[in-house]
Each structure stands twice: as C-alpha cells, then as structure tokens.
C-alpha cells in the first residue's frame, strides 16, 4: 500500500514499480475501488513494464473524504496529486481510465501539462449537451432538479431490479462479485455530477490520446467514444460493457493496445 494526499485528504493506493521511464495513473468506474477493475489493469500494465499507481478516490474504499459521493472536481484534484507523486520521481506520466475514469482521464490530461499521454478503456465521455438533446431539454433539467432536491440521500449503486444508480443485470453481474472495500450505495448528488460532467470539450487540449471501446456498449456510448475523436481508436467486438472489466480476450486486447500506444508516446 502507498498513501498520498490530495487537498489534505489521505488517499490510499497500490504502487507497482517497474524498470523504465514511463508510469501510469489509473482511474476507474463510477463507485469503483482499487480492488476492482483498476487493480486488474494496474497489474497487467505493470507486467508490460510500466510503473502503475491505482488508488481509491476521495470518499471511496480506504481513502478519506465524504463517503460514497461522486465529487467531479475532487476526483480531478486527486488525479493531479497522483500525477504529481509520479512526476516528482522523474517518470513520464500517462493516465489510463476505465469506464467513467475514461472521462476523468481525458479531463485531467487536458489541463495538466505533466501528462504525456492519455487512454480511455470502455470510457464514459459525457456531454451534457448530448444528454439534453436526446432527453429533451425540459426532461434533462427536470432530472437535474430532482437530483439536487434529494442531493444528500443515498440509493443503491447497483440492483438487479428496481431503482439504483446503475440498474440491471450487467452491473450487478460484476459488482456483486467484487465487494472488497466496496459499499453498494451512492448519493443522489453523485448522479448530478455524472449528468453535468463535460468531457467532449476537453478534446482540443489533449496530449496524444487513445480510445479502446466495445462496438456494443449499453452503458458507455460508442457514439460518444467516436465523437471524442481521439488520436487513435481501437474498436473491440465486446458484447457487454463489463467485458472490458475482467473478461477475456477483451482485457488482454485492451492492455496490449494501451501498452503499444503509450510506448509510442515515450519521450
């Protein structure tokens, strides 16, 4: 375990050191903790020769902060702190994000010149304008109003049936099997953070960028992945979003594409 601080909050992570000049900060899915998908990718990318750091963002897992609350600006501050930790050791630092972490990776890389490259795997490249266009502006604003009115209430993060932040069998099939240091709840205010996070606007400011995405994905839109217009996009023949969390051959394909891309960006 390793610990570092972000805005006076203690964050807990796992650092895998490898020979070579490149290091990767990993950030993962909505409600995710380091024992889940980012831990898998951290180990696999470390085996490819990269130093990797995966950690619990503020409020999640073993880190300090408001419990089970999605704080968009706080997560970006956490990523700046993690990049700074590795940059201080002289590494060329990239960010790799999975699911919602793909969006945060892009946002963080766009405004931190220490980041030399960025990659998103099954990423959520959210766009409030895109949401409003498809929902209708009145419905979008009404949804945000409801989230704000019940901001501090909790709801389940997952449920096979009924209300949850991530409803349905597919999220349940993954998270119900990976519960170490993970709590099945999240604030309703967290949904407001999701629905107002604007990732697409970061595109003109990105360093070299990669998107790895399933052709079919019911939870993170392939249309938005394409709209991001990364420097390189790799499409995989997944059937489900969570195939890129722990299913083969997709994780191996995503790791190989990411490692190859990041090596090509080495300074």
Protein backbone atom coordinates (compact mmCIF):
# COMPACT_ATOMS: atom_id res chain seq x y z
CA UNK A 1 0.00 0.00 0.00
CA UNK A 2 1.00 3.59 -0.58
CA UNK A 3 -0.52 6.79 0.74
CA UNK A 4 -0.52 10.36 -0.57
CA UNK A 5 -2.58 13.47 -0.03
CA UNK A 6 -4.98 15.45 -2.19
CA UNK A 7 -6.27 18.72 -0.74
CA UNK A 8 -5.47 17.49 2.80
CA UNK A 9 -7.30 14.20 2.27
CA UNK A 10 -5.36 10.97 2.68
CA UNK A 11 -5.71 8.69 -0.33
CA UNK A 12 -4.75 5.01 -0.31
CA UNK A 13 -3.36 3.22 -3.32
CA UNK A 14 -1.16 0.47 -4.67
CA UNK A 15 2.08 1.31 -6.46
CA UNK A 16 3.71 -1.25 -8.76
CA UNK A 17 7.22 -0.17 -9.68
CA UNK A 18 8.86 -1.36 -12.90
CA UNK A 19 12.05 -0.55 -14.72
CA UNK A 20 11.74 2.08 -17.39
CA UNK A 21 10.84 5.76 -17.64
CA UNK A 22 7.04 5.52 -18.03
CA UNK A 23 4.40 5.47 -15.31
CA UNK A 24 0.62 5.26 -15.41
CA UNK A 25 -2.02 6.65 -13.06
CA UNK A 26 -5.24 4.63 -13.26
CA UNK A 27 -8.76 5.81 -12.53
CA UNK A 28 -11.84 3.67 -12.77
CA UNK A 29 -15.60 3.26 -12.89
CA UNK A 30 -18.30 5.15 -11.05
CA UNK A 31 -18.26 3.94 -7.41
CA UNK A 32 -15.16 1.84 -8.20
CA UNK A 33 -12.34 0.96 -5.83
CA UNK A 34 -8.77 -0.16 -6.40
CA UNK A 35 -9.57 -3.82 -5.74
CA UNK A 36 -11.80 -3.90 -8.82
CA UNK A 37 -11.06 -3.19 -12.47
CA UNK A 38 -8.25 -0.65 -11.99
CA UNK A 39 -6.36 -3.19 -9.94
CA UNK A 40 -6.56 -5.68 -12.81
CA UNK A 41 -5.29 -3.16 -15.35
CA UNK A 42 -2.57 -1.91 -12.98
CA UNK A 43 -1.12 -5.40 -12.60
CA UNK A 44 -1.36 -6.17 -16.29
CA UNK A 45 0.27 -2.89 -17.35
CA UNK A 46 2.99 -3.31 -14.72
CA UNK A 47 3.76 -6.67 -16.32
CA UNK A 48 4.18 -4.75 -19.59
CA UNK A 49 6.96 -2.69 -17.99
CA UNK A 50 5.11 0.39 -16.73
CA UNK A 51 5.14 1.67 -13.17
CA UNK A 52 1.47 1.88 -12.19
CA UNK A 53 -0.50 3.61 -9.46
CA UNK A 54 -4.10 2.69 -8.72
CA UNK A 55 -5.87 4.26 -5.76
CA UNK A 56 -9.18 4.93 -4.10
CA UNK A 57 -10.52 8.37 -4.95
CA UNK A 58 -11.76 10.53 -2.10
CA UNK A 59 -14.80 9.06 -0.41
CA UNK A 60 -14.32 5.57 -1.81
CA UNK A 61 -12.66 2.43 -0.50
CA UNK A 62 -9.94 3.15 2.04
CA UNK A 63 -9.44 6.84 1.26
CA UNK A 64 -10.67 9.80 3.27
CA UNK A 65 -13.49 12.05 2.12
CA UNK A 66 -17.26 12.19 2.01
CA UNK A 67 -18.35 8.53 1.82
CA UNK A 68 -19.83 7.22 -1.44
CA UNK A 69 -20.17 10.64 -3.03
CA UNK A 70 -19.07 11.43 -6.58
CA UNK A 71 -17.12 14.71 -6.46
CA UNK A 72 -16.09 15.56 -10.00
CA UNK A 73 -13.74 18.40 -9.16
CA UNK A 74 -12.37 16.43 -6.23
CA UNK A 75 -11.57 13.47 -8.44
CA UNK A 76 -9.71 15.72 -10.84
CA UNK A 77 -7.73 17.12 -7.89
CA UNK A 78 -6.94 13.54 -6.83
CA UNK A 79 -5.59 12.79 -10.29
CA UNK A 80 -3.40 15.91 -10.19
CA UNK A 81 -1.99 14.73 -6.87
CA UNK A 82 -1.35 11.23 -8.22
CA UNK A 83 0.37 12.59 -11.33
CA UNK A 84 2.49 14.85 -9.14
CA UNK A 85 3.56 11.92 -6.99
CA UNK A 86 4.96 10.06 -10.01
CA UNK A 87 6.27 13.12 -11.84
CA UNK A 88 8.31 14.03 -8.75
CA UNK A 89 10.12 10.72 -9.18
CA UNK A 90 11.08 11.65 -12.72
CA UNK A 91 8.60 9.46 -14.61
CA UNK A 92 6.87 10.29 -17.87
CA UNK A 93 3.30 10.06 -16.63
CA UNK A 94 0.21 8.92 -18.54
CA UNK A 95 -3.34 8.49 -17.29
CA UNK A 96 -5.45 5.46 -18.15
CA UNK A 97 -9.13 5.48 -17.24
CA UNK A 98 -11.75 2.75 -17.44
CA UNK A 99 -15.49 3.45 -17.70
CA UNK A 100 -16.22 6.82 -16.02
CA UNK A 101 -12.49 7.01 -15.35
CA UNK A 102 -12.00 7.32 -19.11
CA UNK A 103 -13.80 10.64 -18.97
CA UNK A 104 -11.90 11.80 -15.92
CA UNK A 105 -8.63 10.75 -17.53
CA UNK A 106 -9.34 12.96 -20.52
CA UNK A 107 -10.42 15.90 -18.37
CA UNK A 108 -7.33 15.61 -16.18
CA UNK A 109 -4.91 15.19 -19.07
CA UNK A 110 -6.34 18.23 -20.86
CA UNK A 111 -5.35 20.60 -18.07
CA UNK A 112 -2.15 19.04 -16.70
CA UNK A 113 0.90 19.52 -18.94
CA UNK A 114 2.82 16.93 -16.93
CA UNK A 115 0.65 14.23 -18.52
CA UNK A 116 2.34 12.94 -21.66
CA UNK A 117 -0.47 10.71 -22.98
CA UNK A 118 -3.96 9.53 -22.07
CA UNK A 119 -6.07 6.45 -22.75
CA UNK A 120 -9.67 5.53 -22.06
CA UNK A 121 -11.00 1.95 -21.99
CA UNK A 122 -14.78 1.49 -22.29
CA UNK A 123 -14.86 5.16 -21.36
CA UNK A 124 -17.76 7.45 -20.49
CA UNK A 125 -17.12 10.62 -22.49
CA UNK A 126 -20.07 12.50 -21.07
CA UNK A 127 -21.62 15.53 -22.72
CA UNK A 128 -24.46 17.47 -21.06
CA UNK A 129 -25.48 18.86 -24.45
CA UNK A 130 -25.69 15.30 -25.85
CA UNK A 131 -27.80 14.17 -22.89
CA UNK A 132 -30.13 17.17 -23.19
CA UNK A 133 -30.56 16.69 -26.93
CA UNK A 134 -31.61 13.06 -26.51
CA UNK A 135 -33.72 13.50 -23.39
CA UNK A 136 -35.16 16.86 -24.35
CA UNK A 137 -34.01 19.96 -22.54
CA UNK A 138 -37.04 20.12 -20.23
CA UNK A 139 -36.61 16.48 -19.18
CA UNK A 140 -32.88 16.94 -18.66
CA UNK A 141 -33.37 19.98 -16.44
CA UNK A 142 -36.15 18.22 -14.54
CA UNK A 143 -33.87 15.25 -13.87
CA UNK A 144 -31.15 17.54 -12.54
CA UNK A 145 -33.68 19.33 -10.33
CA UNK A 146 -34.72 16.05 -8.76
CA UNK A 147 -31.10 15.12 -8.08
CA UNK A 148 -30.44 18.47 -6.42
CA UNK A 149 -33.58 18.31 -4.28
CA UNK A 150 -32.52 14.91 -2.87
CA UNK A 151 -28.77 15.55 -3.16
CA UNK A 152 -27.69 14.03 0.17
CA UNK A 153 -29.90 10.93 0.04
CA UNK A 154 -28.38 7.53 -0.71
CA UNK A 155 -29.58 4.94 -3.19
CA UNK A 156 -28.11 1.57 -4.13
CA UNK A 157 -25.23 1.73 -6.57
CA UNK A 158 -26.46 -1.49 -8.20
CA UNK A 159 -29.59 -3.64 -8.11
CA UNK A 160 -30.72 -6.42 -10.44
CA UNK A 161 -34.23 -4.92 -10.32
CA UNK A 162 -35.67 -1.66 -9.08
CA UNK A 163 -34.05 1.72 -8.51
CA UNK A 164 -30.28 2.02 -8.48
CA UNK A 165 -27.62 4.35 -9.84
CA UNK A 166 -26.53 1.53 -12.15
CA UNK A 167 -29.60 -0.69 -12.53
CA UNK A 168 -29.86 -4.02 -14.28
CA UNK A 169 -28.25 -7.41 -14.54
CA UNK A 170 -25.00 -6.33 -16.19
CA UNK A 171 -23.63 -4.05 -13.42
CA UNK A 172 -24.95 -6.50 -10.83
CA UNK A 173 -23.09 -9.36 -12.50
CA UNK A 174 -19.77 -7.59 -11.96
CA UNK A 175 -20.07 -5.59 -8.74
CA UNK A 176 -21.88 -8.27 -6.74
CA UNK A 177 -18.78 -10.47 -7.27
CA UNK A 178 -16.22 -7.78 -6.38
CA UNK A 179 -17.12 -6.34 -2.98
CA UNK A 180 -13.79 -5.95 -1.17
CA UNK A 181 -13.66 -2.42 0.29
CA UNK A 182 -16.74 -1.54 -1.81
CA UNK A 183 -20.11 -0.34 -0.49
CA UNK A 184 -23.31 -0.69 -2.50
CA UNK A 185 -24.60 2.83 -2.12
CA UNK A 186 -24.07 6.28 -3.59
CA UNK A 187 -25.53 9.75 -3.06
CA UNK A 188 -28.16 11.06 -5.45
CA UNK A 189 -25.97 14.13 -5.80
CA UNK A 190 -23.44 11.86 -7.47
CA UNK A 191 -25.84 11.44 -10.38
CA UNK A 192 -25.85 15.22 -10.82
CA UNK A 193 -22.07 15.08 -11.14
CA UNK A 194 -22.38 12.42 -13.85
CA UNK A 195 -25.03 14.26 -15.83
CA UNK A 196 -23.14 17.58 -15.82
CA UNK A 197 -19.60 16.30 -16.50
CA UNK A 198 -18.48 17.67 -19.86
CA UNK A 199 -15.68 15.55 -21.34
CA UNK A 200 -16.00 16.30 -25.05
CA UNK A 201 -15.00 19.93 -24.57
CA UNK A 202 -11.54 18.74 -23.44
CA UNK A 203 -10.66 17.26 -26.84
CA UNK A 204 -8.71 20.25 -28.29
CA UNK A 205 -6.44 20.34 -25.23
CA UNK A 206 -5.45 16.67 -25.06
CA UNK A 207 -1.96 15.22 -25.31
CA UNK A 208 -1.69 12.10 -27.51
CA UNK A 209 -4.89 10.17 -26.86
CA UNK A 210 -6.23 6.64 -27.27
CA UNK A 211 -9.74 5.23 -27.00
CA UNK A 212 -10.36 1.48 -26.64
CA UNK A 213 -14.07 0.74 -26.80
CA UNK A 214 -16.53 -2.04 -27.45
CA UNK A 215 -18.57 -1.81 -30.63
CA UNK A 216 -21.57 -2.63 -28.43
CA UNK A 217 -21.88 -0.93 -25.06
CA UNK A 218 -25.19 -0.25 -23.33
CA UNK A 219 -23.65 1.80 -20.51
CA UNK A 220 -20.94 3.99 -22.10
CA UNK A 221 -22.00 5.19 -25.51
CA UNK A 222 -19.91 4.14 -28.54
CA UNK A 223 -21.29 7.26 -30.22
CA UNK A 224 -19.64 9.48 -27.61
CA UNK A 225 -16.44 7.44 -27.83
CA UNK A 226 -16.36 8.17 -31.54
CA UNK A 227 -17.30 11.82 -31.00
CA UNK A 228 -14.27 12.32 -28.76
CA UNK A 229 -12.09 11.94 -31.85
CA UNK A 230 -9.03 10.51 -30.12
CA UNK A 231 -5.76 10.33 -32.00
CA UNK A 232 -6.20 6.57 -32.13
CA UNK A 233 -9.36 4.50 -31.60
CA UNK A 234 -9.42 0.72 -31.24
CA UNK A 235 -12.80 -1.00 -31.53
CA UNK A 236 -13.28 -4.39 -29.87
CA UNK A 237 -16.06 -6.89 -30.51
CA UNK A 238 -17.41 -6.94 -26.97
CA UNK A 239 -20.98 -7.90 -26.20
CA UNK A 240 -21.16 -6.07 -22.86
CA UNK A 241 -19.62 -3.03 -21.20
CA UNK A 242 -18.23 -5.12 -18.34
CA UNK A 243 -16.43 -7.43 -20.77
CA UNK A 244 -13.63 -4.86 -20.62
CA UNK A 245 -13.52 -5.15 -16.82
CA UNK A 246 -12.48 -8.78 -16.47
CA UNK A 247 -13.43 -10.91 -19.50
CA UNK A 248 -11.04 -12.44 -21.99
CA UNK A 249 -9.87 -11.95 -24.65
CA UNK A 250 -11.01 -8.35 -24.26
CA UNK A 251 -8.88 -7.29 -21.29
CA UNK A 252 -5.77 -8.71 -22.96
CA UNK A 253 -6.64 -6.85 -26.17
CA UNK A 254 -7.21 -3.59 -24.30
CA UNK A 255 -3.98 -3.91 -22.32
CA UNK A 256 -1.98 -4.69 -25.47
CA UNK A 257 -3.45 -1.73 -27.37
CA UNK A 258 -2.82 0.62 -24.43
CA UNK A 259 0.75 -0.56 -23.85
CA UNK A 260 1.62 -0.28 -27.54
CA UNK A 261 0.16 3.22 -27.75
CA UNK A 262 1.88 4.50 -24.61
CA UNK A 263 5.24 3.13 -25.72
CA UNK A 264 4.84 5.05 -28.97
CA UNK A 265 4.39 8.23 -26.92
CA UNK A 266 7.60 7.79 -24.92
CA UNK A 267 9.70 10.93 -24.94
